């Protein structure tokens, strides 16, 4: 979980500086808070890079319903996590992400 904290923190800083695929700094902050409040409330934070796109999307649908996310929350969280997945898959320093 500590690793995810630092990845999320790094992503927040990097994306705030680079535009984060259309997410504003406020949206990034809100998405991270939502991620921690809705996901970490019940289970550890999973590394989205360790899942295929199909598996990750299936889990997002299932867990969004379980977390009772509103449509706007679901879109924000999905955008945030997709951005993290892209960053981790392409830009993560060696050894940070499996």
PDB file of N, CA and C in Angstrom:
ATOM      1  N   UNK A   1       0.835  -1.186   0.000  1.00  0.00           N
ATOM      2  CA  UNK A   1       0.000   0.000   0.000  1.00  0.00           C
ATOM      3  C   UNK A   1       0.879   1.249   0.000  1.00  0.00           C
ATOM      4  N   UNK A   2       2.004   1.173   0.647  1.00  0.00           N
ATOM      5  CA  UNK A   2       2.916   2.312   0.679  1.00  0.00           C
ATOM      6  C   UNK A   2       3.397   2.651  -0.727  1.00  0.00           C
ATOM      7  N   UNK A   3       3.649   1.605  -1.516  1.00  0.00           N
ATOM      8  CA  UNK A   3       4.082   1.810  -2.893  1.00  0.00           C
ATOM      9  C   UNK A   3       3.014   2.566  -3.665  1.00  0.00           C
ATOM     10  N   UNK A   4       1.750   2.197  -3.473  1.00  0.00           N
ATOM     11  CA  UNK A   4       0.662   2.871  -4.183  1.00  0.00           C
ATOM     12  C   UNK A   4       0.518   4.313  -3.746  1.00  0.00           C
ATOM     13  N   UNK A   5       0.769   4.581  -2.485  1.00  0.00           N
ATOM     14  CA  UNK A   5       0.700   5.961  -2.020  1.00  0.00           C
ATOM     15  C   UNK A   5       1.693   6.818  -2.795  1.00  0.00           C
ATOM     16  N   UNK A   6       2.919   6.321  -2.920  1.00  0.00           N
ATOM     17  CA  UNK A   6       3.941   7.097  -3.611  1.00  0.00           C
ATOM     18  C   UNK A   6       3.674   7.176  -5.108  1.00  0.00           C
ATOM     19  N   UNK A   7       3.155   6.129  -5.699  1.00  0.00           N
ATOM     20  CA  UNK A   7       2.793   6.169  -7.113  1.00  0.00           C
ATOM     21  C   UNK A   7       1.694   7.189  -7.338  1.00  0.00           C
ATOM     22  N   UNK A   8       0.681   7.169  -6.477  1.00  0.00           N
ATOM     23  CA  UNK A   8      -0.423   8.131  -6.609  1.00  0.00           C
ATOM     24  C   UNK A   8       0.067   9.557  -6.397  1.00  0.00           C
ATOM     25  N   UNK A   9       0.927   9.737  -5.409  1.00  0.00           N
ATOM     26  CA  UNK A   9       1.472  11.066  -5.157  1.00  0.00           C
ATOM     27  C   UNK A   9       2.282  11.552  -6.356  1.00  0.00           C
ATOM     28  N   UNK A  10       3.145  10.680  -6.877  1.00  0.00           N
ATOM     29  CA  UNK A  10       3.929  11.037  -8.046  1.00  0.00           C
ATOM     30  C   UNK A  10       3.022  11.358  -9.229  1.00  0.00           C
ATOM     31  N   UNK A  11       2.004  10.542  -9.424  1.00  0.00           N
ATOM     32  CA  UNK A  11       1.070  10.758 -10.541  1.00  0.00           C
ATOM     33  C   UNK A  11       0.362  12.092 -10.395  1.00  0.00           C
ATOM     34  N   UNK A  12      -0.061  12.395  -9.195  1.00  0.00           N
ATOM     35  CA  UNK A  12      -0.770  13.647  -8.950  1.00  0.00           C
ATOM     36  C   UNK A  12       0.113  14.842  -9.298  1.00  0.00           C
ATOM     37  N   UNK A  13       1.344  14.801  -8.873  1.00  0.00           N
ATOM     38  CA  UNK A  13       2.275  15.898  -9.155  1.00  0.00           C
ATOM     39  C   UNK A  13       2.594  15.964 -10.648  1.00  0.00           C
ATOM     40  N   UNK A  14       2.899  14.820 -11.237  1.00  0.00           N
ATOM     41  CA  UNK A  14       3.259  14.796 -12.662  1.00  0.00           C
ATOM     42  C   UNK A  14       2.101  15.226 -13.540  1.00  0.00           C
ATOM     43  N   UNK A  15       0.915  14.742 -13.224  1.00  0.00           N
ATOM     44  CA  UNK A  15      -0.232  15.062 -14.062  1.00  0.00           C
ATOM     45  C   UNK A  15      -0.699  16.489 -13.855  1.00  0.00           C
ATOM     46  N   UNK A  16      -0.548  17.002 -12.666  1.00  0.00           N
ATOM     47  CA  UNK A  16      -0.900  18.406 -12.438  1.00  0.00           C
ATOM     48  C   UNK A  16      -0.010  19.300 -13.285  1.00  0.00           C
ATOM     49  N   UNK A  17       1.232  18.906 -13.431  1.00  0.00           N
ATOM     50  CA  UNK A  17       2.166  19.695 -14.236  1.00  0.00           C
ATOM     51  C   UNK A  17       1.928  19.513 -15.733  1.00  0.00           C
ATOM     52  N   UNK A  18       1.459  18.338 -16.143  1.00  0.00           N
ATOM     53  CA  UNK A  18       1.340  18.027 -17.569  1.00  0.00           C
ATOM     54  C   UNK A  18      -0.080  18.006 -18.108  1.00  0.00           C
ATOM     55  N   UNK A  19      -1.077  18.288 -17.326  1.00  0.00           N
ATOM     56  CA  UNK A  19      -2.440  18.315 -17.828  1.00  0.00           C
ATOM     57  C   UNK A  19      -3.216  17.040 -17.612  1.00  0.00           C
ATOM     58  N   UNK A  20      -2.598  15.943 -17.309  1.00  0.00           N
ATOM     59  CA  UNK A  20      -3.225  14.684 -16.931  1.00  0.00           C
ATOM     60  C   UNK A  20      -4.359  14.246 -17.835  1.00  0.00           C
ATOM     61  N   UNK A  21      -4.111  14.274 -19.130  1.00  0.00           N
ATOM     62  CA  UNK A  21      -5.128  13.794 -20.077  1.00  0.00           C
ATOM     63  C   UNK A  21      -6.484  14.429 -19.842  1.00  0.00           C
ATOM     64  N   UNK A  22      -6.487  15.724 -19.548  1.00  0.00           N
ATOM     65  CA  UNK A  22      -7.747  16.428 -19.405  1.00  0.00           C
ATOM     66  C   UNK A  22      -8.256  16.557 -17.989  1.00  0.00           C
ATOM     67  N   UNK A  23      -7.634  15.949 -17.013  1.00  0.00           N
ATOM     68  CA  UNK A  23      -8.060  16.087 -15.622  1.00  0.00           C
ATOM     69  C   UNK A  23      -7.368  17.297 -15.014  1.00  0.00           C
ATOM     70  N   UNK A  24      -8.159  18.160 -14.411  1.00  0.00           N
ATOM     71  CA  UNK A  24      -7.602  19.344 -13.758  1.00  0.00           C
ATOM     72  C   UNK A  24      -6.936  18.944 -12.442  1.00  0.00           C
ATOM     73  N   UNK A  25      -6.111  19.801 -11.868  1.00  0.00           N
ATOM     74  CA  UNK A  25      -5.515  19.497 -10.567  1.00  0.00           C
ATOM     75  C   UNK A  25      -6.577  19.211  -9.501  1.00  0.00           C
ATOM     76  N   UNK A  26      -7.692  19.938  -9.519  1.00  0.00           N
ATOM     77  CA  UNK A  26      -8.762  19.683  -8.554  1.00  0.00           C
ATOM     78  C   UNK A  26      -9.386  18.308  -8.781  1.00  0.00           C
ATOM     79  N   UNK A  27      -9.595  17.940 -10.041  1.00  0.00           N
ATOM     80  CA  UNK A  27     -10.155  16.624 -10.345  1.00  0.00           C
ATOM     81  C   UNK A  27      -9.207  15.517  -9.889  1.00  0.00           C
ATOM     82  N   UNK A  28      -7.908  15.730 -10.083  1.00  0.00           N
ATOM     83  CA  UNK A  28      -6.931  14.743  -9.634  1.00  0.00           C
ATOM     84  C   UNK A  28      -6.979  14.572  -8.121  1.00  0.00           C
ATOM     85  N   UNK A  29      -7.058  15.684  -7.417  1.00  0.00           N
ATOM     86  CA  UNK A  29      -7.142  15.628  -5.955  1.00  0.00           C
ATOM     87  C   UNK A  29      -8.426  14.937  -5.522  1.00  0.00           C
ATOM     88  N   UNK A  30      -9.540  15.313  -6.133  1.00  0.00           N
ATOM     89  CA  UNK A  30     -10.832  14.695  -5.804  1.00  0.00           C
ATOM     90  C   UNK A  30     -10.831  13.208  -6.123  1.00  0.00           C
ATOM     91  N   UNK A  31     -10.245  12.837  -7.262  1.00  0.00           N
ATOM     92  CA  UNK A  31     -10.205  11.431  -7.662  1.00  0.00           C
ATOM     93  C   UNK A  31      -9.361  10.615  -6.695  1.00  0.00           C
ATOM     94  N   UNK A  32      -8.235  11.160  -6.280  1.00  0.00           N
ATOM     95  CA  UNK A  32      -7.395  10.422  -5.334  1.00  0.00           C
ATOM     96  C   UNK A  32      -8.115  10.227  -4.005  1.00  0.00           C
ATOM     97  N   UNK A  33      -8.807  11.264  -3.529  1.00  0.00           N
ATOM     98  CA  UNK A  33      -9.575  11.153  -2.285  1.00  0.00           C
ATOM     99  C   UNK A  33     -10.667  10.097  -2.428  1.00  0.00           C
ATOM    100  N   UNK A  34     -11.343  10.097  -3.561  1.00  0.00           N
ATOM    101  CA  UNK A  34     -12.386   9.115  -3.823  1.00  0.00           C
ATOM    102  C   UNK A  34     -11.795   7.710  -3.862  1.00  0.00           C
ATOM    103  N   UNK A  35     -10.666   7.575  -4.510  1.00  0.00           N
ATOM    104  CA  UNK A  35      -9.970   6.290  -4.613  1.00  0.00           C
ATOM    105  C   UNK A  35      -9.640   5.731  -3.232  1.00  0.00           C
ATOM    106  N   UNK A  36      -9.093   6.569  -2.388  1.00  0.00           N
ATOM    107  CA  UNK A  36      -8.733   6.123  -1.038  1.00  0.00           C
ATOM    108  C   UNK A  36      -9.985   5.841  -0.210  1.00  0.00           C
ATOM    109  N   UNK A  37     -10.987   6.726  -0.288  1.00  0.00           N
ATOM    110  CA  UNK A  37     -12.197   6.576   0.533  1.00  0.00           C
ATOM    111  C   UNK A  37     -13.053   5.386   0.119  1.00  0.00           C
ATOM    112  N   UNK A  38     -13.203   5.174  -1.176  1.00  0.00           N
ATOM    113  CA  UNK A  38     -14.113   4.131  -1.640  1.00  0.00           C
ATOM    114  C   UNK A  38     -13.438   2.786  -1.848  1.00  0.00           C
ATOM    115  N   UNK A  39     -12.175   2.780  -2.191  1.00  0.00           N
ATOM    116  CA  UNK A  39     -11.490   1.521  -2.488  1.00  0.00           C
ATOM    117  C   UNK A  39     -10.752   0.976  -1.261  1.00  0.00           C
ATOM    118  N   UNK A  40      -9.943   1.829  -0.651  1.00  0.00           N
ATOM    119  CA  UNK A  40      -9.144   1.380   0.490  1.00  0.00           C
ATOM    120  C   UNK A  40      -9.984   1.181   1.744  1.00  0.00           C
ATOM    121  N   UNK A  41     -11.186   1.664   1.726  1.00  0.00           N
ATOM    122  CA  UNK A  41     -12.087   1.491   2.866  1.00  0.00           C
ATOM    123  C   UNK A  41     -12.344   0.005   3.144  1.00  0.00           C
ATOM    124  N   UNK A  42     -12.407  -0.787   2.075  1.00  0.00           N
ATOM    125  CA  UNK A  42     -12.775  -2.197   2.220  1.00  0.00           C
ATOM    126  C   UNK A  42     -11.650  -3.183   1.913  1.00  0.00           C
ATOM    127  N   UNK A  43     -10.672  -2.780   1.144  1.00  0.00           N
ATOM    128  CA  UNK A  43      -9.616  -3.715   0.763  1.00  0.00           C
ATOM    129  C   UNK A  43      -8.340  -2.957   0.415  1.00  0.00           C
ATOM    130  N   UNK A  44      -7.269  -3.709   0.237  1.00  0.00           N
ATOM    131  CA  UNK A  44      -6.009  -3.080  -0.156  1.00  0.00           C
ATOM    132  C   UNK A  44      -6.161  -2.472  -1.540  1.00  0.00           C
ATOM    133  N   UNK A  45      -5.307  -1.551  -1.873  1.00  0.00           N
ATOM    134  CA  UNK A  45      -5.329  -0.931  -3.189  1.00  0.00           C
ATOM    135  C   UNK A  45      -4.552  -1.813  -4.153  1.00  0.00           C
ATOM    136  N   UNK A  46      -5.233  -2.293  -5.155  1.00  0.00           N
ATOM    137  CA  UNK A  46      -4.624  -3.192  -6.119  1.00  0.00           C
ATOM    138  C   UNK A  46      -3.882  -2.411  -7.196  1.00  0.00           C
ATOM    139  N   UNK A  47      -2.855  -3.031  -7.719  1.00  0.00           N
ATOM    140  CA  UNK A  47      -2.058  -2.445  -8.781  1.00  0.00           C
ATOM    141  C   UNK A  47      -2.790  -2.687 -10.101  1.00  0.00           C
ATOM    142  N   UNK A  48      -3.369  -1.652 -10.712  1.00  0.00           N
ATOM    143  CA  UNK A  48      -4.143  -1.860 -11.929  1.00  0.00           C
ATOM    144  C   UNK A  48      -3.322  -2.354 -13.112  1.00  0.00           C
ATOM    145  N   UNK A  49      -2.017  -2.183 -13.077  1.00  0.00           N
ATOM    146  CA  UNK A  49      -1.157  -2.628 -14.170  1.00  0.00           C
ATOM    147  C   UNK A  49      -1.064  -4.154 -14.206  1.00  0.00           C
ATOM    148  N   UNK A  50      -1.342  -4.796 -13.105  1.00  0.00           N
ATOM    149  CA  UNK A  50      -1.249  -6.250 -13.035  1.00  0.00           C
ATOM    150  C   UNK A  50      -2.463  -6.949 -13.642  1.00  0.00           C
ATOM    151  N   UNK A  51      -3.400  -6.192 -14.175  1.00  0.00           N
ATOM    152  CA  UNK A  51      -4.618  -6.745 -14.765  1.00  0.00           C
ATOM    153  C   UNK A  51      -4.696  -6.368 -16.237  1.00  0.00           C
ATOM    154  N   UNK A  52      -5.284  -7.260 -17.019  1.00  0.00           N
ATOM    155  CA  UNK A  52      -5.533  -6.924 -18.426  1.00  0.00           C
ATOM    156  C   UNK A  52      -6.611  -5.842 -18.466  1.00  0.00           C
ATOM    157  N   UNK A  53      -6.748  -5.193 -19.611  1.00  0.00           N
ATOM    158  CA  UNK A  53      -7.789  -4.172 -19.754  1.00  0.00           C
ATOM    159  C   UNK A  53      -9.166  -4.761 -19.478  1.00  0.00           C
ATOM    160  N   UNK A  54      -9.436  -5.944 -20.027  1.00  0.00           N
ATOM    161  CA  UNK A  54     -10.750  -6.575 -19.841  1.00  0.00           C
ATOM    162  C   UNK A  54     -11.003  -6.898 -18.367  1.00  0.00           C
ATOM    163  N   UNK A  55     -10.007  -7.481 -17.704  1.00  0.00           N
ATOM    164  CA  UNK A  55     -10.163  -7.808 -16.281  1.00  0.00           C
ATOM    165  C   UNK A  55     -10.355  -6.548 -15.443  1.00  0.00           C
ATOM    166  N   UNK A  56      -9.540  -5.537 -15.726  1.00  0.00           N
ATOM    167  CA  UNK A  56      -9.647  -4.302 -14.951  1.00  0.00           C
ATOM    168  C   UNK A  56     -11.011  -3.664 -15.142  1.00  0.00           C
ATOM    169  N   UNK A  57     -11.499  -3.614 -16.373  1.00  0.00           N
ATOM    170  CA  UNK A  57     -12.816  -3.039 -16.635  1.00  0.00           C
ATOM    171  C   UNK A  57     -13.920  -3.826 -15.937  1.00  0.00           C
ATOM    172  N   UNK A  58     -13.805  -5.154 -15.934  1.00  0.00           N
ATOM    173  CA  UNK A  58     -14.792  -5.997 -15.241  1.00  0.00           C
ATOM    174  C   UNK A  58     -14.809  -5.668 -13.745  1.00  0.00           C
ATOM    175  N   UNK A  59     -13.627  -5.555 -13.142  1.00  0.00           N
ATOM    176  CA  UNK A  59     -13.551  -5.227 -11.717  1.00  0.00           C
ATOM    177  C   UNK A  59     -14.078  -3.821 -11.438  1.00  0.00           C
ATOM    178  N   UNK A  60     -13.801  -2.895 -12.319  1.00  0.00           N
ATOM    179  CA  UNK A  60     -14.299  -1.530 -12.133  1.00  0.00           C
ATOM    180  C   UNK A  60     -15.821  -1.499 -12.120  1.00  0.00           C
ATOM    181  N   UNK A  61     -16.451  -2.224 -13.031  1.00  0.00           N
ATOM    182  CA  UNK A  61     -17.919  -2.273 -13.070  1.00  0.00           C
ATOM    183  C   UNK A  61     -18.447  -2.897 -11.784  1.00  0.00           C
ATOM    184  N   UNK A  62     -17.871  -4.037 -11.408  1.00  0.00           N
ATOM    185  CA  UNK A  62     -18.324  -4.742 -10.207  1.00  0.00           C
ATOM    186  C   UNK A  62     -18.139  -3.890  -8.950  1.00  0.00           C
ATOM    187  N   UNK A  63     -16.972  -3.329  -8.782  1.00  0.00           N
ATOM    188  CA  UNK A  63     -16.683  -2.592  -7.560  1.00  0.00           C
ATOM    189  C   UNK A  63     -17.376  -1.232  -7.523  1.00  0.00           C
ATOM    190  N   UNK A  64     -17.612  -0.632  -8.679  1.00  0.00           N
ATOM    191  CA  UNK A  64     -18.349   0.639  -8.710  1.00  0.00           C
ATOM    192  C   UNK A  64     -19.755   0.449  -8.164  1.00  0.00           C
ATOM    193  N   UNK A  65     -20.375  -0.671  -8.527  1.00  0.00           N
ATOM    194  CA  UNK A  65     -21.712  -0.972  -8.006  1.00  0.00           C
ATOM    195  C   UNK A  65     -21.647  -1.221  -6.499  1.00  0.00           C
ATOM    196  N   UNK A  66     -20.663  -2.002  -6.084  1.00  0.00           N
ATOM    197  CA  UNK A  66     -20.516  -2.327  -4.670  1.00  0.00           C
ATOM    198  C   UNK A  66     -20.241  -1.083  -3.821  1.00  0.00           C
ATOM    199  N   UNK A  67     -19.452  -0.160  -4.371  1.00  0.00           N
ATOM    200  CA  UNK A  67     -19.104   1.069  -3.659  1.00  0.00           C
ATOM    201  C   UNK A  67     -20.203   2.122  -3.773  1.00  0.00           C
ATOM    202  N   UNK A  68     -21.228   1.817  -4.561  1.00  0.00           N
ATOM    203  CA  UNK A  68     -22.359   2.719  -4.769  1.00  0.00           C
ATOM    204  C   UNK A  68     -21.897   4.084  -5.285  1.00  0.00           C
ATOM    205  N   UNK A  69     -21.027   4.024  -6.289  1.00  0.00           N
ATOM    206  CA  UNK A  69     -20.539   5.259  -6.892  1.00  0.00           C
ATOM    207  C   UNK A  69     -21.623   5.872  -7.772  1.00  0.00           C
ATOM    208  N   UNK A  70     -21.737   7.168  -7.697  1.00  0.00           N
ATOM    209  CA  UNK A  70     -22.606   7.892  -8.610  1.00  0.00           C
ATOM    210  C   UNK A  70     -21.917   7.928  -9.966  1.00  0.00           C
ATOM    211  N   UNK A  71     -22.668   8.220 -11.006  1.00  0.00           N
ATOM    212  CA  UNK A  71     -22.127   8.213 -12.361  1.00  0.00           C
ATOM    213  C   UNK A  71     -20.906   9.127 -12.493  1.00  0.00           C
ATOM    214  N   UNK A  72     -20.998  10.335 -11.963  1.00  0.00           N
ATOM    215  CA  UNK A  72     -19.882  11.286 -12.051  1.00  0.00           C
ATOM    216  C   UNK A  72     -18.667  10.775 -11.282  1.00  0.00           C
ATOM    217  N   UNK A  73     -18.903  10.151 -10.123  1.00  0.00           N
ATOM    218  CA  UNK A  73     -17.798   9.593  -9.345  1.00  0.00           C
ATOM    219  C   UNK A  73     -17.136   8.451 -10.103  1.00  0.00           C
ATOM    220  N   UNK A  74     -17.952   7.618 -10.719  1.00  0.00           N
ATOM    221  CA  UNK A  74     -17.431   6.489 -11.472  1.00  0.00           C
ATOM    222  C   UNK A  74     -16.570   6.968 -12.642  1.00  0.00           C
ATOM    223  N   UNK A  75     -17.029   7.981 -13.358  1.00  0.00           N
ATOM    224  CA  UNK A  75     -16.268   8.525 -14.480  1.00  0.00           C
ATOM    225  C   UNK A  75     -14.950   9.134 -14.010  1.00  0.00           C
ATOM    226  N   UNK A  76     -15.001   9.885 -12.918  1.00  0.00           N
ATOM    227  CA  UNK A  76     -13.797  10.514 -12.380  1.00  0.00           C
ATOM    228  C   UNK A  76     -12.789   9.459 -11.938  1.00  0.00           C
ATOM    229  N   UNK A  77     -13.259   8.469 -11.202  1.00  0.00           N
ATOM    230  CA  UNK A  77     -12.383   7.414 -10.708  1.00  0.00           C
ATOM    231  C   UNK A  77     -11.826   6.587 -11.861  1.00  0.00           C
ATOM    232  N   UNK A  78     -12.656   6.259 -12.828  1.00  0.00           N
ATOM    233  CA  UNK A  78     -12.197   5.482 -13.983  1.00  0.00           C
ATOM    234  C   UNK A  78     -11.131   6.256 -14.761  1.00  0.00           C
ATOM    235  N   UNK A  79     -11.346   7.549 -14.958  1.00  0.00           N
ATOM    236  CA  UNK A  79     -10.355   8.368 -15.654  1.00  0.00           C
ATOM    237  C   UNK A  79      -9.045   8.449 -14.904  1.00  0.00           C
ATOM    238  N   UNK A  80      -9.139   8.603 -13.603  1.00  0.00           N
ATOM    239  CA  UNK A  80      -7.952   8.676 -12.750  1.00  0.00           C
ATOM    240  C   UNK A  80      -7.155   7.372 -12.801  1.00  0.00           C
ATOM    241  N   UNK A  81      -7.858   6.253 -12.631  1.00  0.00           N
ATOM    242  CA  UNK A  81      -7.177   4.966 -12.624  1.00  0.00           C
ATOM    243  C   UNK A  81      -6.620   4.615 -13.996  1.00  0.00           C
ATOM    244  N   UNK A  82      -7.323   4.974 -15.047  1.00  0.00           N
ATOM    245  CA  UNK A  82      -6.801   4.728 -16.394  1.00  0.00           C
ATOM    246  C   UNK A  82      -5.540   5.549 -16.625  1.00  0.00           C
ATOM    247  N   UNK A  83      -5.532   6.756 -16.132  1.00  0.00           N
ATOM    248  CA  UNK A  83      -4.345   7.600 -16.246  1.00  0.00           C
ATOM    249  C   UNK A  83      -3.186   6.981 -15.474  1.00  0.00           C
ATOM    250  N   UNK A  84      -3.454   6.477 -14.277  1.00  0.00           N
ATOM    251  CA  UNK A  84      -2.412   5.808 -13.488  1.00  0.00           C
ATOM    252  C   UNK A  84      -1.908   4.561 -14.202  1.00  0.00           C
ATOM    253  N   UNK A  85      -2.828   3.805 -14.799  1.00  0.00           N
ATOM    254  CA  UNK A  85      -2.432   2.590 -15.525  1.00  0.00           C
ATOM    255  C   UNK A  85      -1.501   2.936 -16.680  1.00  0.00           C
ATOM    256  N   UNK A  86      -1.856   3.966 -17.430  1.00  0.00           N
ATOM    257  CA  UNK A  86      -1.034   4.368 -18.565  1.00  0.00           C
ATOM    258  C   UNK A  86       0.344   4.835 -18.100  1.00  0.00           C
ATOM    259  N   UNK A  87       0.344   5.641 -17.044  1.00  0.00           N
ATOM    260  CA  UNK A  87       1.610   6.153 -16.538  1.00  0.00           C
ATOM    261  C   UNK A  87       2.485   5.020 -16.008  1.00  0.00           C
ATOM    262  N   UNK A  88       1.885   4.128 -15.248  1.00  0.00           N
ATOM    263  CA  UNK A  88       2.660   3.029 -14.664  1.00  0.00           C
ATOM    264  C   UNK A  88       3.190   2.089 -15.739  1.00  0.00           C
ATOM    265  N   UNK A  89       2.407   1.872 -16.786  1.00  0.00           N
ATOM    266  CA  UNK A  89       2.823   0.952 -17.840  1.00  0.00           C
ATOM    267  C   UNK A  89       3.924   1.541 -18.715  1.00  0.00           C
ATOM    268  N   UNK A  90       3.969   2.860 -18.830  1.00  0.00           N
ATOM    269  CA  UNK A  90       4.925   3.461 -19.752  1.00  0.00           C
ATOM    270  C   UNK A  90       6.050   4.246 -19.105  1.00  0.00           C
ATOM    271  N   UNK A  91       5.790   4.843 -17.945  1.00  0.00           N
ATOM    272  CA  UNK A  91       6.758   5.787 -17.379  1.00  0.00           C
ATOM    273  C   UNK A  91       7.327   5.406 -16.027  1.00  0.00           C
ATOM    274  N   UNK A  92       6.889   4.322 -15.457  1.00  0.00           N
ATOM    275  CA  UNK A  92       7.339   3.994 -14.104  1.00  0.00           C
ATOM    276  C   UNK A  92       8.828   3.656 -14.105  1.00  0.00           C
ATOM    277  N   UNK A  93       9.547   4.127 -13.109  1.00  0.00           N
ATOM    278  CA  UNK A  93      10.954   3.752 -12.991  1.00  0.00           C
ATOM    279  C   UNK A  93      11.071   2.246 -12.789  1.00  0.00           C
ATOM    280  N   UNK A  94      12.134   1.653 -13.290  1.00  0.00           N
ATOM    281  CA  UNK A  94      12.356   0.226 -13.153  1.00  0.00           C
ATOM    282  C   UNK A  94      12.305  -0.174 -11.683  1.00  0.00           C
ATOM    283  N   UNK A  95      11.609  -1.262 -11.403  1.00  0.00           N
ATOM    284  CA  UNK A  95      11.522  -1.781 -10.056  1.00  0.00           C
ATOM    285  C   UNK A  95      10.376  -1.228  -9.238  1.00  0.00           C
ATOM    286  N   UNK A  96       9.709  -0.172  -9.703  1.00  0.00           N
ATOM    287  CA  UNK A  96       8.597   0.402  -8.947  1.00  0.00           C
ATOM    288  C   UNK A  96       7.340  -0.413  -9.161  1.00  0.00           C
ATOM    289  N   UNK A  97       7.117  -0.818 -10.400  1.00  0.00           N
ATOM    290  CA  UNK A  97       5.916  -1.591 -10.738  1.00  0.00           C
ATOM    291  C   UNK A  97       6.349  -2.888 -11.378  1.00  0.00           C
ATOM    292  N   UNK A  98       5.722  -3.948 -10.982  1.00  0.00           N
ATOM    293  CA  UNK A  98       6.060  -5.268 -11.534  1.00  0.00           C
ATOM    294  C   UNK A  98       5.681  -5.364 -12.982  1.00  0.00           C
TER     295      UNK A  98
END
